[in-house]
Amino acid sequence: MALAIGRAALGDDRERDARALLAHAAGITPSRLMMLDVEAFDAALMQCYADALSRRSLGEPVSKITGKRAFWNHDFIVTADVLDPRPDTETLVAKALERPFERILDLGTGSGCILLSLLAERGEAQGVGVDLSEPALDVARANAAAIGVVDRVQWLHGDWFDAVTGRFDLIVSNPPYIAAEEMAELDREVRDHDPAMALTPGGDGLDPYRIIAAQAGSYLHPNGRLIVEMGWQQGPQVAAILSASGWRDVAIWPDLEGRDRAVSATAP
């Protein structure tokens, strides 16, 4: 009955969303829905469910309604203040874990999903996350507490390298990279519900890579690595920016769907 209401509100092709929202309203995981007794579907649950369906029908992502998103090996807290973690970004985590590291810098950390996933995988590593948004850093702090790595991470409020000191083995970043003229073409789930400052830097979308290429080498140990995410059509441009700044071993890496998604390089 409840799932039928969800299908009617969202469409038959969105049953997975309906199940996730019903489970959220009930305070359980979707796998436990079949265990709910009829008595559980009281007025309070159904009103919460109806509100969630209404928000979803208007284009709000399930993750922003439920307040969490699965990424790598954890569920991350997400709010309107952070970019919704997506599977494409797991490409950065996978590439980073191919080599050892002890100290990581994450530029534009947002929810902290990249940095915290890496720290959870490497129990001796230390990390620094930087973001221009203090509310985003609050979300990252909450995620660090939930994952249990608070004692191994430092959060800095600042623009790129302004607040950063010291050197690192690895620098990672999923910077804003959407060109200004492309913003209107984004799916409304992204355009209307992710913070604009995490989506676009304006202009051609490449300025963050120019800043990182020019400055990141000064914060890496010899042979330290840089791994950045970019739009699937930006690989050659980002690689060229890094190469022009003297970065070595520049390589483009695909995501699980075979689209260019990350560029790695060794410090100049």
C-alpha atoms as a PDB file:
ATOM      1  CA  MET A   1       0.000   0.000   0.000  1.00  0.00           C
ATOM      2  CA  ALA A   2       2.653   2.547   1.044  1.00  0.00           C
ATOM      3  CA  LEU A   3       4.913   1.695  -1.887  1.00  0.00           C
ATOM      4  CA  ALA A   4       1.931   1.977  -4.219  1.00  0.00           C
ATOM      5  CA  ILE A   5       1.485   5.534  -2.944  1.00  0.00           C
ATOM      6  CA  GLY A   6       5.146   6.156  -3.667  1.00  0.00           C
ATOM      7  CA  ARG A   7       4.911   4.798  -7.211  1.00  0.00           C
ATOM      8  CA  ALA A   8       1.847   6.941  -7.833  1.00  0.00           C
ATOM      9  CA  ALA A   9       3.695  10.034  -6.628  1.00  0.00           C
ATOM     10  CA  LEU A  10       7.027   9.414  -8.337  1.00  0.00           C
ATOM     11  CA  GLY A  11       6.306   6.985 -11.179  1.00  0.00           C
ATOM     12  CA  ASP A  12       6.929   3.271 -11.548  1.00  0.00           C
ATOM     13  CA  ASP A  13      10.555   3.866 -12.536  1.00  0.00           C
ATOM     14  CA  ARG A  14      11.257   5.492  -9.161  1.00  0.00           C
ATOM     15  CA  GLU A  15      10.274   2.600  -6.890  1.00  0.00           C
ATOM     16  CA  ARG A  16      13.791   2.481  -5.477  1.00  0.00           C
ATOM     17  CA  ASP A  17      13.424   6.109  -4.415  1.00  0.00           C
ATOM     18  CA  ALA A  18      10.015   5.370  -2.916  1.00  0.00           C
ATOM     19  CA  ARG A  19      11.465   2.488  -0.902  1.00  0.00           C
ATOM     20  CA  ALA A  20      14.367   4.609   0.358  1.00  0.00           C
ATOM     21  CA  LEU A  21      12.023   7.388   1.438  1.00  0.00           C
ATOM     22  CA  LEU A  22       9.610   4.996   3.139  1.00  0.00           C
ATOM     23  CA  ALA A  23      12.488   3.417   5.030  1.00  0.00           C
ATOM     24  CA  HIS A  24      13.685   6.893   6.019  1.00  0.00           C
ATOM     25  CA  ALA A  25      10.232   7.776   7.328  1.00  0.00           C
ATOM     26  CA  ALA A  26      10.180   4.549   9.321  1.00  0.00           C
ATOM     27  CA  GLY A  27      13.713   5.024  10.639  1.00  0.00           C
ATOM     28  CA  ILE A  28      14.997   1.739   9.233  1.00  0.00           C
ATOM     29  CA  THR A  29      17.064   0.477   6.295  1.00  0.00           C
ATOM     30  CA  PRO A  30      15.223  -0.389   3.055  1.00  0.00           C
ATOM     31  CA  SER A  31      16.102  -4.068   3.530  1.00  0.00           C
ATOM     32  CA  ARG A  32      13.957  -4.147   6.676  1.00  0.00           C
ATOM     33  CA  LEU A  33      10.775  -2.750   5.137  1.00  0.00           C
ATOM     34  CA  MET A  34       9.220  -6.185   4.735  1.00  0.00           C
ATOM     35  CA  MET A  35       9.571  -6.715   8.483  1.00  0.00           C
ATOM     36  CA  LEU A  36       7.361  -3.770   9.399  1.00  0.00           C
ATOM     37  CA  ASP A  37       4.049  -4.618  11.017  1.00  0.00           C
ATOM     38  CA  VAL A  38       0.878  -3.012   9.708  1.00  0.00           C
ATOM     39  CA  GLU A  39       0.636  -1.065  12.971  1.00  0.00           C
ATOM     40  CA  ALA A  40       3.900   0.686  12.153  1.00  0.00           C
ATOM     41  CA  PHE A  41       2.240   2.578   9.302  1.00  0.00           C
ATOM     42  CA  ASP A  42       0.636   5.131  11.588  1.00  0.00           C
ATOM     43  CA  ALA A  43      -0.352   8.709  10.801  1.00  0.00           C
ATOM     44  CA  ALA A  44       3.027  10.147  11.789  1.00  0.00           C
ATOM     45  CA  LEU A  45       4.972   7.758   9.549  1.00  0.00           C
ATOM     46  CA  MET A  46       2.656   8.297   6.587  1.00  0.00           C
ATOM     47  CA  GLN A  47       2.818  12.094   6.960  1.00  0.00           C
ATOM     48  CA  CYS A  48       6.627  11.973   7.041  1.00  0.00           C
ATOM     49  CA  TYR A  49       6.546   9.738   3.976  1.00  0.00           C
ATOM     50  CA  ALA A  50       4.135  12.045   2.145  1.00  0.00           C
ATOM     51  CA  ASP A  51       6.351  15.050   2.872  1.00  0.00           C
ATOM     52  CA  ALA A  52       9.409  13.198   1.570  1.00  0.00           C
ATOM     53  CA  LEU A  53       7.574  12.121  -1.597  1.00  0.00           C
ATOM     54  CA  SER A  54       6.485  15.698  -2.198  1.00  0.00           C
ATOM     55  CA  ARG A  55      10.051  16.951  -1.912  1.00  0.00           C
ATOM     56  CA  ARG A  56      11.304  14.207  -4.245  1.00  0.00           C
ATOM     57  CA  SER A  57       8.596  14.945  -6.814  1.00  0.00           C
ATOM     58  CA  LEU A  58       9.883  18.536  -6.939  1.00  0.00           C
ATOM     59  CA  GLY A  59      13.366  17.315  -7.841  1.00  0.00           C
ATOM     60  CA  GLU A  60      15.144  17.219  -4.484  1.00  0.00           C
ATOM     61  CA  PRO A  61      17.617  14.308  -4.396  1.00  0.00           C
ATOM     62  CA  VAL A  62      16.873  11.392  -2.085  1.00  0.00           C
ATOM     63  CA  SER A  63      20.171  11.983  -0.304  1.00  0.00           C
ATOM     64  CA  LYS A  64      19.277  15.578   0.587  1.00  0.00           C
ATOM     65  CA  ILE A  65      15.909  14.397   1.931  1.00  0.00           C
ATOM     66  CA  THR A  66      17.297  11.539   4.002  1.00  0.00           C
ATOM     67  CA  GLY A  67      20.447  13.462   4.945  1.00  0.00           C
ATOM     68  CA  LYS A  68      22.892  10.769   3.907  1.00  0.00           C
ATOM     69  CA  ARG A  69      24.635   9.292   0.888  1.00  0.00           C
ATOM     70  CA  ALA A  70      26.577   6.054   0.546  1.00  0.00           C
ATOM     71  CA  PHE A  71      30.127   6.650  -0.711  1.00  0.00           C
ATOM     72  CA  TRP A  72      33.002   4.177  -0.790  1.00  0.00           C
ATOM     73  CA  ASN A  73      32.553   2.194   2.453  1.00  0.00           C
ATOM     74  CA  HIS A  74      30.460   4.592   4.558  1.00  0.00           C
ATOM     75  CA  ASP A  75      27.237   6.569   4.707  1.00  0.00           C
ATOM     76  CA  PHE A  76      28.071  10.272   4.716  1.00  0.00           C
ATOM     77  CA  ILE A  77      25.964  13.035   6.187  1.00  0.00           C
ATOM     78  CA  VAL A  78      24.914  15.472   3.458  1.00  0.00           C
ATOM     79  CA  THR A  79      23.067  18.776   3.633  1.00  0.00           C
ATOM     80  CA  ALA A  80      22.290  21.647   1.298  1.00  0.00           C
ATOM     81  CA  ASP A  81      25.724  23.049   2.238  1.00  0.00           C
ATOM     82  CA  VAL A  82      27.759  20.314   0.547  1.00  0.00           C
ATOM     83  CA  LEU A  83      28.098  18.665  -2.832  1.00  0.00           C
ATOM     84  CA  ASP A  84      26.258  15.356  -2.973  1.00  0.00           C
ATOM     85  CA  PRO A  85      28.969  12.625  -3.108  1.00  0.00           C
ATOM     86  CA  ARG A  86      28.688  10.605  -6.305  1.00  0.00           C
ATOM     87  CA  PRO A  87      30.143   7.285  -7.459  1.00  0.00           C
ATOM     88  CA  ASP A  88      32.288   9.047 -10.078  1.00  0.00           C
ATOM     89  CA  THR A  89      34.334  10.612  -7.299  1.00  0.00           C
ATOM     90  CA  GLU A  90      35.265   7.193  -5.938  1.00  0.00           C
ATOM     91  CA  THR A  91      37.744   7.122  -8.833  1.00  0.00           C
ATOM     92  CA  LEU A  92      39.951   9.504  -6.808  1.00  0.00           C
ATOM     93  CA  VAL A  93      39.817   7.259  -3.754  1.00  0.00           C
ATOM     94  CA  ALA A  94      40.693   4.158  -5.770  1.00  0.00           C
ATOM     95  CA  LYS A  95      43.654   5.834  -7.472  1.00  0.00           C
ATOM     96  CA  ALA A  96      44.950   7.301  -4.208  1.00  0.00           C
ATOM     97  CA  LEU A  97      44.927   3.916  -2.508  1.00  0.00           C
ATOM     98  CA  GLU A  98      47.183   2.407  -5.162  1.00  0.00           C
ATOM     99  CA  ARG A  99      50.237   3.882  -3.418  1.00  0.00           C
ATOM    100  CA  PRO A 100      51.252   4.518   0.202  1.00  0.00           C
ATOM    101  CA  PHE A 101      50.771   7.891   1.860  1.00  0.00           C
ATOM    102  CA  GLU A 102      51.002   9.270   5.375  1.00  0.00           C
ATOM    103  CA  ARG A 103      49.756  12.843   5.085  1.00  0.00           C
ATOM    104  CA  ILE A 104      46.910  14.015   2.825  1.00  0.00           C
ATOM    105  CA  LEU A 105      45.559  17.430   1.863  1.00  0.00           C
ATOM    106  CA  ASP A 106      42.014  17.677   0.475  1.00  0.00           C
ATOM    107  CA  LEU A 107      41.210  20.992  -1.226  1.00  0.00           C
ATOM    108  CA  GLY A 108      37.506  21.910  -1.257  1.00  0.00           C
ATOM    109  CA  THR A 109      36.686  19.005   1.033  1.00  0.00           C
ATOM    110  CA  GLY A 110      32.916  19.573   1.247  1.00  0.00           C
ATOM    111  CA  SER A 111      31.383  16.641   3.120  1.00  0.00           C
ATOM    112  CA  GLY A 112      34.880  15.213   3.579  1.00  0.00           C
ATOM    113  CA  CYS A 113      33.955  12.079   1.655  1.00  0.00           C
ATOM    114  CA  ILE A 114      37.276  11.751  -0.204  1.00  0.00           C
ATOM    115  CA  LEU A 115      39.589  12.575   2.689  1.00  0.00           C
ATOM    116  CA  LEU A 116      37.680  10.581   5.304  1.00  0.00           C
ATOM    117  CA  SER A 117      37.373   7.539   3.048  1.00  0.00           C
ATOM    118  CA  LEU A 118      41.154   7.573   2.594  1.00  0.00           C
ATOM    119  CA  LEU A 119      41.835   8.005   6.307  1.00  0.00           C
ATOM    120  CA  ALA A 120      39.478   5.138   7.125  1.00  0.00           C
ATOM    121  CA  GLU A 121      41.417   2.890   4.742  1.00  0.00           C
ATOM    122  CA  ARG A 122      44.845   3.893   6.074  1.00  0.00           C
ATOM    123  CA  GLY A 123      44.795   3.803   9.862  1.00  0.00           C
ATOM    124  CA  GLU A 124      48.134   5.590  10.340  1.00  0.00           C
ATOM    125  CA  ALA A 125      47.498   8.436   7.906  1.00  0.00           C
ATOM    126  CA  GLN A 126      46.811  12.048   8.895  1.00  0.00           C
ATOM    127  CA  GLY A 127      44.746  14.484   6.866  1.00  0.00           C
ATOM    128  CA  VAL A 128      43.910  18.152   6.379  1.00  0.00           C
ATOM    129  CA  GLY A 129      40.665  19.273   4.765  1.00  0.00           C
ATOM    130  CA  VAL A 130      40.205  22.811   3.443  1.00  0.00           C
ATOM    131  CA  ASP A 131      36.984  24.532   2.434  1.00  0.00           C
ATOM    132  CA  LEU A 132      35.834  28.087   1.855  1.00  0.00           C
ATOM    133  CA  SER A 133      32.449  27.226   3.415  1.00  0.00           C
ATOM    134  CA  GLU A 134      32.292  27.005   7.202  1.00  0.00           C
ATOM    135  CA  PRO A 135      28.912  25.199   7.064  1.00  0.00           C
ATOM    136  CA  ALA A 136      30.495  22.590   4.786  1.00  0.00           C
ATOM    137  CA  LEU A 137      33.289  22.104   7.304  1.00  0.00           C
ATOM    138  CA  ASP A 138      30.666  21.524  10.006  1.00  0.00           C
ATOM    139  CA  VAL A 139      29.286  18.665   7.903  1.00  0.00           C
ATOM    140  CA  ALA A 140      32.797  17.281   7.400  1.00  0.00           C
ATOM    141  CA  ARG A 141      33.425  17.407  11.141  1.00  0.00           C
ATOM    142  CA  ALA A 142      30.232  15.461  11.790  1.00  0.00           C
ATOM    143  CA  ASN A 143      31.260  12.854   9.240  1.00  0.00           C
ATOM    144  CA  ALA A 144      34.711  12.519  10.799  1.00  0.00           C
ATOM    145  CA  ALA A 145      33.075  11.858  14.169  1.00  0.00           C
ATOM    146  CA  ALA A 146      30.691   9.303  12.689  1.00  0.00           C
ATOM    147  CA  ILE A 147      33.516   7.430  10.944  1.00  0.00           C
ATOM    148  CA  GLY A 148      35.833   7.641  13.960  1.00  0.00           C
ATOM    149  CA  VAL A 149      38.818   9.538  12.573  1.00  0.00           C
ATOM    150  CA  VAL A 150      38.486  12.847  14.443  1.00  0.00           C
ATOM    151  CA  ASP A 151      41.936  12.509  16.009  1.00  0.00           C
ATOM    152  CA  ARG A 152      43.609  12.155  12.604  1.00  0.00           C
ATOM    153  CA  VAL A 153      42.124  15.086  10.701  1.00  0.00           C
ATOM    154  CA  GLN A 154      42.391  18.874  10.807  1.00  0.00           C
ATOM    155  CA  TRP A 155      39.907  21.244   9.187  1.00  0.00           C
ATOM    156  CA  LEU A 156      40.929  24.628   7.765  1.00  0.00           C
ATOM    157  CA  HIS A 157      38.611  27.424   6.676  1.00  0.00           C
ATOM    158  CA  GLY A 158      40.159  29.166   3.711  1.00  0.00           C
ATOM    159  CA  ASP A 159      40.523  29.631  -0.026  1.00  0.00           C
ATOM    160  CA  TRP A 160      42.689  26.941  -1.606  1.00  0.00           C
ATOM    161  CA  PHE A 161      46.177  27.120  -0.027  1.00  0.00           C
ATOM    162  CA  ASP A 162      45.711  30.331   1.977  1.00  0.00           C
ATOM    163  CA  ALA A 163      45.509  28.566   5.364  1.00  0.00           C
ATOM    164  CA  VAL A 164      47.699  25.558   4.505  1.00  0.00           C
ATOM    165  CA  THR A 165      51.146  24.933   5.968  1.00  0.00           C
ATOM    166  CA  GLY A 166      53.547  22.011   5.773  1.00  0.00           C
ATOM    167  CA  ARG A 167      54.031  19.328   3.158  1.00  0.00           C
ATOM    168  CA  PHE A 168      52.051  16.284   2.143  1.00  0.00           C
ATOM    169  CA  ASP A 169      52.489  12.957   0.378  1.00  0.00           C
ATOM    170  CA  LEU A 170      49.201  13.329  -1.449  1.00  0.00           C
ATOM    171  CA  ILE A 171      46.932  16.215  -2.464  1.00  0.00           C
ATOM    172  CA  VAL A 172      43.418  15.434  -3.683  1.00  0.00           C
ATOM    173  CA  SER A 173      40.641  17.700  -4.872  1.00  0.00           C
ATOM    174  CA  ASN A 174      37.212  17.611  -6.468  1.00  0.00           C
ATOM    175  CA  PRO A 175      37.084  21.325  -7.275  1.00  0.00           C
ATOM    176  CA  PRO A 176      34.220  23.247  -8.868  1.00  0.00           C
ATOM    177  CA  TYR A 177      34.754  22.736 -12.587  1.00  0.00           C
ATOM    178  CA  ILE A 178      31.528  23.408 -14.467  1.00  0.00           C
ATOM    179  CA  ALA A 179      31.795  26.297 -16.918  1.00  0.00           C
ATOM    180  CA  ALA A 180      29.450  29.215 -16.269  1.00  0.00           C
ATOM    181  CA  GLU A 181      27.652  28.715 -19.569  1.00  0.00           C
ATOM    182  CA  GLU A 182      26.947  25.072 -18.729  1.00  0.00           C
ATOM    183  CA  MET A 183      25.167  25.721 -15.430  1.00  0.00           C
ATOM    184  CA  ALA A 184      21.756  26.192 -17.027  1.00  0.00           C
ATOM    185  CA  GLU A 185      22.052  22.778 -18.680  1.00  0.00           C
ATOM    186  CA  LEU A 186      22.597  20.848 -15.426  1.00  0.00           C
ATOM    187  CA  ASP A 187      19.974  18.472 -14.116  1.00  0.00           C
ATOM    188  CA  ARG A 188      17.797  20.343 -11.636  1.00  0.00           C
ATOM    189  CA  GLU A 189      18.727  17.865  -8.899  1.00  0.00           C
ATOM    190  CA  VAL A 190      22.262  19.197  -9.144  1.00  0.00           C
ATOM    191  CA  ARG A 191      21.660  22.823 -10.123  1.00  0.00           C
ATOM    192  CA  ASP A 192      18.976  23.481  -7.520  1.00  0.00           C
ATOM    193  CA  HIS A 193      20.237  21.396  -4.597  1.00  0.00           C
ATOM    194  CA  ASP A 194      24.056  21.424  -4.614  1.00  0.00           C
ATOM    195  CA  PRO A 195      25.797  24.660  -3.553  1.00  0.00           C
ATOM    196  CA  ALA A 196      26.724  26.747  -6.578  1.00  0.00           C
ATOM    197  CA  MET A 197      30.192  27.475  -5.178  1.00  0.00           C
ATOM    198  CA  ALA A 198      30.922  23.732  -5.235  1.00  0.00           C
ATOM    199  CA  LEU A 199      29.768  23.405  -8.839  1.00  0.00           C
ATOM    200  CA  THR A 200      31.273  26.274 -10.797  1.00  0.00           C
ATOM    201  CA  PRO A 201      34.147  28.750 -10.414  1.00  0.00           C
ATOM    202  CA  GLY A 202      32.709  30.754 -13.298  1.00  0.00           C
ATOM    203  CA  GLY A 203      34.372  31.328 -16.634  1.00  0.00           C
ATOM    204  CA  ASP A 204      35.602  28.239 -18.440  1.00  0.00           C
ATOM    205  CA  GLY A 205      35.602  26.140 -15.255  1.00  0.00           C
ATOM    206  CA  LEU A 206      39.362  25.586 -15.328  1.00  0.00           C
ATOM    207  CA  ASP A 207      40.651  28.276 -12.963  1.00  0.00           C
ATOM    208  CA  PRO A 208      40.860  25.899  -9.957  1.00  0.00           C
ATOM    209  CA  TYR A 209      43.237  23.673 -11.919  1.00  0.00           C
ATOM    210  CA  ARG A 210      45.384  26.660 -12.829  1.00  0.00           C
ATOM    211  CA  ILE A 211      45.644  27.591  -9.137  1.00  0.00           C
ATOM    212  CA  ILE A 212      46.367  24.014  -8.065  1.00  0.00           C
ATOM    213  CA  ALA A 213      48.933  23.484 -10.830  1.00  0.00           C
ATOM    214  CA  ALA A 214      50.770  26.664  -9.882  1.00  0.00           C
ATOM    215  CA  GLN A 215      50.807  26.171  -6.105  1.00  0.00           C
ATOM    216  CA  ALA A 216      50.346  22.530  -5.103  1.00  0.00           C
ATOM    217  CA  GLY A 217      53.930  21.515  -5.823  1.00  0.00           C
ATOM    218  CA  SER A 218      55.145  23.724  -2.964  1.00  0.00           C
ATOM    219  CA  TYR A 219      53.091  21.660  -0.512  1.00  0.00           C
ATOM    220  CA  LEU A 220      54.185  18.199  -1.636  1.00  0.00           C
ATOM    221  CA  HIS A 221      57.142  16.101  -0.572  1.00  0.00           C
ATOM    222  CA  PRO A 222      59.506  15.075  -3.391  1.00  0.00           C
ATOM    223  CA  ASN A 223      57.658  12.622  -5.628  1.00  0.00           C
ATOM    224  CA  GLY A 224      54.399  13.497  -3.874  1.00  0.00           C
ATOM    225  CA  ARG A 225      51.231  12.973  -5.880  1.00  0.00           C
ATOM    226  CA  LEU A 226      48.300  15.108  -6.960  1.00  0.00           C
ATOM    227  CA  ILE A 227      44.930  13.620  -7.980  1.00  0.00           C
ATOM    228  CA  VAL A 228      42.052  15.841  -9.108  1.00  0.00           C
ATOM    229  CA  GLU A 229      38.593  15.167 -10.452  1.00  0.00           C
ATOM    230  CA  MET A 230      37.385  16.973 -13.565  1.00  0.00           C
ATOM    231  CA  GLY A 231      34.503  16.970 -16.018  1.00  0.00           C
ATOM    232  CA  TRP A 232      34.514  14.054 -18.434  1.00  0.00           C
ATOM    233  CA  GLN A 233      35.456  16.317 -21.361  1.00  0.00           C
ATOM    234  CA  GLN A 234      38.142  18.292 -19.516  1.00  0.00           C
ATOM    235  CA  GLY A 235      40.855  15.646 -19.222  1.00  0.00           C
ATOM    236  CA  PRO A 236      43.156  16.897 -22.002  1.00  0.00           C
ATOM    237  CA  GLN A 237      42.825  20.504 -20.840  1.00  0.00           C
ATOM    238  CA  VAL A 238      43.578  19.736 -17.199  1.00  0.00           C
ATOM    239  CA  ALA A 239      46.485  17.492 -18.184  1.00  0.00           C
ATOM    240  CA  ALA A 240      47.888  20.265 -20.374  1.00  0.00           C
ATOM    241  CA  ILE A 241      47.625  22.802 -17.529  1.00  0.00           C
ATOM    242  CA  LEU A 242      49.585  20.493 -15.222  1.00  0.00           C
ATOM    243  CA  SER A 243      52.199  19.629 -17.833  1.00  0.00           C
ATOM    244  CA  ALA A 244      52.751  23.305 -18.611  1.00  0.00           C
ATOM    245  CA  SER A 245      53.485  23.904 -14.925  1.00  0.00           C
ATOM    246  CA  GLY A 246      56.150  21.206 -14.860  1.00  0.00           C
ATOM    247  CA  TRP A 247      54.182  18.345 -13.307  1.00  0.00           C
ATOM    248  CA  ARG A 248      55.485  14.885 -14.163  1.00  0.00           C
ATOM    249  CA  ASP A 249      53.812  11.565 -14.992  1.00  0.00           C
ATOM    250  CA  VAL A 250      50.546  13.288 -15.889  1.00  0.00           C
ATOM    251  CA  ALA A 251      47.846  10.686 -16.557  1.00  0.00           C
ATOM    252  CA  ILE A 252      44.097  10.689 -17.157  1.00  0.00           C
ATOM    253  CA  TRP A 253      41.931   8.019 -15.495  1.00  0.00           C
ATOM    254  CA  PRO A 254      38.385   6.853 -16.328  1.00  0.00           C
ATOM    255  CA  ASP A 255      35.478   6.293 -13.963  1.00  0.00           C
ATOM    256  CA  LEU A 256      33.476   3.059 -13.821  1.00  0.00           C
ATOM    257  CA  GLU A 257      31.527   4.092 -16.921  1.00  0.00           C
ATOM    258  CA  GLY A 258      34.697   4.622 -18.925  1.00  0.00           C
ATOM    259  CA  ARG A 259      34.552   8.420 -18.986  1.00  0.00           C
ATOM    260  CA  ASP A 260      37.604  10.543 -18.174  1.00  0.00           C
ATOM    261  CA  ARG A 261      37.194  11.476 -14.519  1.00  0.00           C
ATOM    262  CA  ALA A 262      40.529  12.082 -12.775  1.00  0.00           C
ATOM    263  CA  VAL A 263      43.997  13.352 -13.554  1.00  0.00           C
ATOM    264  CA  SER A 264      47.038  12.350 -11.522  1.00  0.00           C
ATOM    265  CA  ALA A 265      50.530  13.805 -11.559  1.00  0.00           C
ATOM    266  CA  THR A 266      53.830  13.745  -9.672  1.00  0.00           C
ATOM    267  CA  ALA A 267      55.227  16.913  -8.091  1.00  0.00           C
ATOM    268  CA  PRO A 268      57.442  19.040 -10.361  1.00  0.00           C
END
